[in-house]
Amino acid sequence: MKKRLLTLLGLFVSPFIFSQILTVNSGSSVSITSGSSVTLGGLEVAPSDTYVISGYNTVSRSAAAAAAGTNSSVSRVYNTSALLSGFTGTLTFSYVEDELNDIVEGDLVLELQADDDSWTTYDGTVDELNNTVSFTFNDPVSFKAITASSADATLTVEDIYPLDSRIFVYPNPTANRIYIQGSNILQTELFDLRGRKLKTTNQKQIDMSEMGIGTFILKVTTESNNIKSFKIIKQ
């Protein structure tokens, strides 16, 4: 069993099952180190790189299913009060059979909600013995809610990101400068792993030559207010 190692500052964990289960106070943070994990009321978060949740933010769990059109999720949804950005690693979603809403376990997929309220489907691994569905994100992902639904009736009703998928960032890793290529880009923001904003620009390049070696998160926002995040490695 891997040892769980966390840095907890200003953290409150609630004992209630269907309510707020985590609060990070303003000016405080929760740091989850690479190779470890933390379970929040049945949602296991295991980052591939050290991941920091900075306050103010809360994580809550609801027994009300999420819905899109005529489709609905299982009766368990995790919500955050502020967007979680730039996560890489594995999310494992636990459920009980009474929450399935007649969904066949083997058909379960993971659903993440973006800042614009749209849902994206991820075809993960279903473990029917332990009642979990999990997915490993190799590219950074941002979300404010997570649930599970049927692959045949997902919460994603249409492909709303045809243009944003054409955003490219290069070179990566970089020693000096990164370039952003794509259409309808409104602005780019660069963050460190503590969530601190380092630079904001509407140009399609960022000079990183004066920054130290490490990992950063680049958030690209388009004119349609869609967001795509990239993990940038500075050598």
Protein backbone atom coordinates (compact mmCIF):
# COMPACT_ATOMS: atom_id res chain seq x y z
CA MET A 1 0.00 0.00 0.00
CA LYS A 2 1.36 3.38 -0.95
CA LYS A 3 1.88 5.79 1.90
CA ARG A 4 -0.44 8.81 1.85
CA LEU A 5 1.45 12.07 2.27
CA LEU A 6 -0.45 15.35 2.44
CA THR A 7 0.31 18.92 3.41
CA LEU A 8 -2.88 20.28 4.99
CA LEU A 9 -3.22 23.98 5.81
CA GLY A 10 -6.56 25.46 6.86
CA LEU A 11 -8.34 22.19 6.03
CA PHE A 12 -11.75 21.11 7.34
CA VAL A 13 -13.24 17.68 6.60
CA SER A 14 -16.93 17.16 7.34
CA PRO A 15 -18.29 13.82 8.62
CA PHE A 16 -21.59 14.20 6.72
CA ILE A 17 -22.02 11.85 3.78
CA PHE A 18 -24.18 13.92 1.45
CA SER A 19 -22.92 17.43 2.10
CA GLN A 20 -19.73 19.43 2.15
CA ILE A 21 -16.77 17.10 2.69
CA LEU A 22 -13.77 19.41 2.26
CA THR A 23 -13.12 23.10 2.82
CA VAL A 24 -9.88 24.89 2.02
CA ASN A 25 -9.93 28.31 3.64
CA SER A 26 -8.85 31.50 1.90
CA GLY A 27 -5.07 31.85 1.96
CA SER A 28 -4.62 28.13 2.71
CA SER A 29 -3.94 25.08 0.55
CA VAL A 30 -3.99 21.29 0.32
CA SER A 31 -0.99 19.65 -1.33
CA ILE A 32 -1.24 16.04 -2.59
CA THR A 33 2.17 14.66 -3.51
CA SER A 34 2.95 12.49 -6.50
CA GLY A 35 2.66 8.78 -5.70
CA SER A 36 0.12 9.36 -2.94
CA SER A 37 -3.64 9.83 -2.90
CA VAL A 38 -6.48 11.24 -0.86
CA THR A 39 -10.08 10.00 -0.74
CA LEU A 40 -12.85 12.59 -0.40
CA GLY A 41 -16.07 10.86 0.54
CA GLY A 42 -15.54 8.11 -2.04
CA LEU A 43 -13.64 10.09 -4.69
CA GLU A 44 -9.97 9.09 -4.77
CA VAL A 45 -7.56 11.70 -6.16
CA ALA A 46 -4.10 10.35 -7.10
CA PRO A 47 -2.04 12.98 -9.00
CA SER A 48 0.92 12.08 -11.21
CA ASP A 49 2.60 15.34 -10.11
CA THR A 50 2.18 17.20 -6.85
CA TYR A 51 -1.23 18.84 -7.00
CA VAL A 52 -2.28 21.83 -4.91
CA ILE A 53 -5.82 22.94 -4.12
CA SER A 54 -5.68 26.57 -3.03
CA GLY A 55 -8.39 28.33 -1.04
CA TYR A 56 -11.05 29.36 -1.05
CA ASN A 57 -12.53 26.07 -2.35
CA THR A 58 -14.94 23.41 -1.18
CA VAL A 59 -15.74 19.87 -2.29
CA SER A 60 -19.25 18.55 -1.70
CA ARG A 61 -21.11 15.35 -2.53
CA SER A 62 -24.73 15.28 -3.67
CA ALA A 63 -27.24 12.43 -3.94
CA ALA A 64 -29.07 14.20 -6.80
CA ALA A 65 -28.25 12.91 -10.28
CA ALA A 66 -26.90 15.29 -12.93
CA ALA A 67 -28.95 15.58 -16.11
CA ALA A 68 -28.45 16.71 -19.71
CA GLY A 69 -31.49 16.51 -21.95
CA THR A 70 -33.13 13.15 -21.27
CA ASN A 71 -29.90 11.60 -19.98
CA SER A 72 -28.93 11.41 -16.30
CA SER A 73 -26.05 10.22 -14.17
CA VAL A 74 -25.87 7.97 -11.14
CA SER A 75 -27.16 9.48 -7.89
CA ARG A 76 -23.76 10.68 -6.75
CA VAL A 77 -22.13 13.91 -7.93
CA TYR A 78 -19.05 15.65 -6.52
CA ASN A 79 -18.95 19.44 -6.91
CA THR A 80 -16.29 22.06 -6.22
CA SER A 81 -17.00 25.71 -5.53
CA ALA A 82 -14.00 26.77 -7.65
CA LEU A 83 -12.59 25.15 -10.78
CA LEU A 84 -9.82 22.57 -10.25
CA SER A 85 -7.32 23.28 -13.02
CA GLY A 86 -4.39 21.42 -14.53
CA PHE A 87 -4.90 18.00 -12.90
CA THR A 88 -2.96 15.00 -14.19
CA GLY A 89 -3.21 11.56 -12.63
CA THR A 90 -6.00 9.13 -11.73
CA LEU A 91 -9.50 9.89 -10.48
CA THR A 92 -11.40 6.92 -9.02
CA PHE A 93 -15.15 7.36 -8.54
CA SER A 94 -16.87 5.04 -6.04
CA TYR A 95 -20.59 4.23 -6.02
CA VAL A 96 -23.08 1.86 -4.42
CA GLU A 97 -25.58 -0.19 -6.41
CA ASP A 98 -28.56 1.77 -5.06
CA GLU A 99 -27.15 4.87 -6.82
CA LEU A 100 -26.99 3.34 -10.33
CA ASN A 101 -30.45 4.48 -11.52
CA ASP A 102 -30.85 1.29 -13.60
CA ILE A 103 -27.48 1.89 -15.35
CA VAL A 104 -25.60 -1.35 -16.10
CA GLU A 105 -22.30 -1.27 -14.19
CA GLY A 106 -20.25 -2.43 -17.16
CA ASP A 107 -21.55 0.57 -19.17
CA LEU A 108 -20.36 3.20 -16.69
CA VAL A 109 -18.17 6.06 -17.91
CA LEU A 110 -16.67 8.98 -16.03
CA GLU A 111 -18.13 12.47 -16.61
CA LEU A 112 -16.32 15.76 -15.87
CA GLN A 113 -18.03 19.15 -15.95
CA ALA A 114 -16.12 22.16 -17.27
CA ASP A 115 -16.38 25.77 -16.15
CA ASP A 116 -18.99 26.46 -18.87
CA ASP A 117 -21.24 23.68 -17.42
CA SER A 118 -20.62 21.28 -20.35
CA TRP A 119 -19.81 17.62 -19.61
CA THR A 120 -17.00 15.57 -21.16
CA THR A 121 -17.10 11.75 -21.19
CA TYR A 122 -14.08 9.56 -20.36
CA ASP A 123 -14.25 5.82 -21.03
CA GLY A 124 -12.46 4.56 -17.94
CA THR A 125 -11.96 1.26 -16.14
CA VAL A 126 -14.96 -0.20 -14.32
CA ASP A 127 -14.30 -2.44 -11.31
CA GLU A 128 -17.65 -4.10 -10.57
CA LEU A 129 -16.21 -6.00 -7.58
CA ASN A 130 -15.17 -2.80 -5.77
CA ASN A 131 -17.86 -0.57 -7.33
CA THR A 132 -15.51 1.97 -8.89
CA VAL A 133 -14.88 3.61 -12.25
CA SER A 134 -11.51 5.27 -12.84
CA PHE A 135 -9.59 7.14 -15.51
CA THR A 136 -5.96 8.26 -15.78
CA PHE A 137 -5.45 11.74 -17.26
CA ASN A 138 -2.07 12.06 -18.96
CA ASP A 139 -2.91 15.56 -20.23
CA PRO A 140 -4.02 18.28 -17.79
CA VAL A 141 -7.75 18.52 -17.25
CA SER A 142 -9.89 21.11 -15.46
CA PHE A 143 -13.27 20.42 -13.86
CA LYS A 144 -15.77 21.62 -11.27
CA ALA A 145 -17.91 18.48 -10.97
CA ILE A 146 -17.51 14.75 -11.50
CA THR A 147 -19.99 11.87 -11.75
CA ALA A 148 -20.61 8.67 -13.74
CA SER A 149 -23.24 7.81 -16.35
CA SER A 150 -24.00 5.21 -18.99
CA ALA A 151 -21.85 5.09 -22.13
CA ASP A 152 -25.08 4.77 -24.12
CA ALA A 153 -26.65 7.86 -22.51
CA THR A 154 -23.84 10.21 -21.51
CA LEU A 155 -24.25 13.78 -20.31
CA THR A 156 -22.34 15.02 -23.35
CA VAL A 157 -25.03 15.79 -25.90
CA GLU A 158 -22.79 17.23 -28.64
CA ASP A 159 -19.19 17.95 -29.52
CA ILE A 160 -18.77 21.56 -28.42
CA TYR A 161 -14.98 21.76 -28.79
CA PRO A 162 -14.17 21.22 -32.49
CA LEU A 163 -11.97 24.32 -32.74
CA ASP A 164 -10.38 24.20 -29.31
CA SER A 165 -8.97 20.74 -30.01
CA ARG A 166 -6.71 22.39 -32.58
CA ILE A 167 -4.75 24.40 -29.99
CA PHE A 168 -1.08 23.43 -29.84
CA VAL A 169 1.71 24.53 -27.50
CA TYR A 170 5.37 24.04 -28.43
CA PRO A 171 8.18 23.33 -27.71
CA ASN A 172 7.44 21.31 -24.60
CA PRO A 173 9.70 20.81 -22.69
CA THR A 174 11.23 24.25 -23.26
CA ALA A 175 14.30 26.11 -22.08
CA ASN A 176 13.26 29.62 -23.05
CA ARG A 177 10.01 30.37 -24.86
CA ILE A 178 6.72 28.62 -25.63
CA TYR A 179 4.44 29.31 -28.59
CA ILE A 180 0.65 28.91 -28.69
CA GLN A 181 -0.91 27.99 -32.03
CA GLY A 182 -4.66 27.98 -32.62
CA SER A 183 -7.74 29.92 -33.71
CA ASN A 184 -9.85 32.38 -31.70
CA ILE A 185 -7.44 32.54 -28.74
CA LEU A 186 -8.47 35.29 -26.32
CA GLN A 187 -5.74 35.02 -23.70
CA THR A 188 -3.23 32.67 -22.10
CA GLU A 189 -2.36 32.44 -18.41
CA LEU A 190 0.64 30.72 -16.83
CA PHE A 191 0.41 29.24 -13.31
CA ASP A 192 2.81 27.44 -11.00
CA LEU A 193 1.75 24.20 -9.30
CA ARG A 194 0.54 26.14 -6.26
CA GLY A 195 -2.04 27.81 -8.45
CA ARG A 196 -0.35 31.22 -8.43
CA LYS A 197 -0.75 33.18 -11.66
CA LEU A 198 2.63 34.15 -13.09
CA LYS A 199 1.76 35.71 -16.44
CA THR A 200 -1.26 36.75 -18.50
CA THR A 201 -1.03 37.70 -22.18
CA ASN A 202 -3.03 37.91 -25.38
CA GLN A 203 0.10 37.18 -27.39
CA LYS A 204 0.80 33.74 -28.84
CA GLN A 205 4.10 33.31 -27.06
CA ILE A 206 5.42 33.46 -23.49
CA ASP A 207 9.02 34.07 -22.47
CA MET A 208 9.98 31.65 -19.68
CA SER A 209 13.74 32.19 -19.80
CA GLU A 210 13.86 33.89 -16.38
CA MET A 211 11.82 31.19 -14.67
CA GLY A 212 13.37 28.35 -12.76
CA ILE A 213 13.33 24.71 -13.77
CA GLY A 214 10.03 23.03 -13.00
CA THR A 215 6.46 22.26 -14.08
CA PHE A 216 3.86 24.91 -14.89
CA ILE A 217 0.23 24.98 -16.03
CA LEU A 218 -0.75 27.00 -19.11
CA LYS A 219 -4.45 27.87 -19.44
CA VAL A 220 -5.64 28.95 -22.90
CA THR A 221 -9.02 30.71 -23.15
CA THR A 222 -10.77 31.12 -26.51
CA GLU A 223 -13.15 33.85 -27.66
CA SER A 224 -16.05 31.42 -27.07
CA ASN A 225 -14.90 31.21 -23.41
CA ASN A 226 -13.74 27.60 -23.67
CA ILE A 227 -10.61 26.66 -21.74
CA LYS A 228 -7.86 24.18 -22.48
CA SER A 229 -4.98 23.50 -20.08
CA PHE A 230 -1.45 22.26 -20.77
CA LYS A 231 1.31 21.02 -18.49
CA ILE A 232 4.54 22.88 -19.40
CA ILE A 233 7.96 21.57 -18.39
CA LYS A 234 10.70 24.20 -18.07
CA GLN A 235 14.21 22.78 -18.40
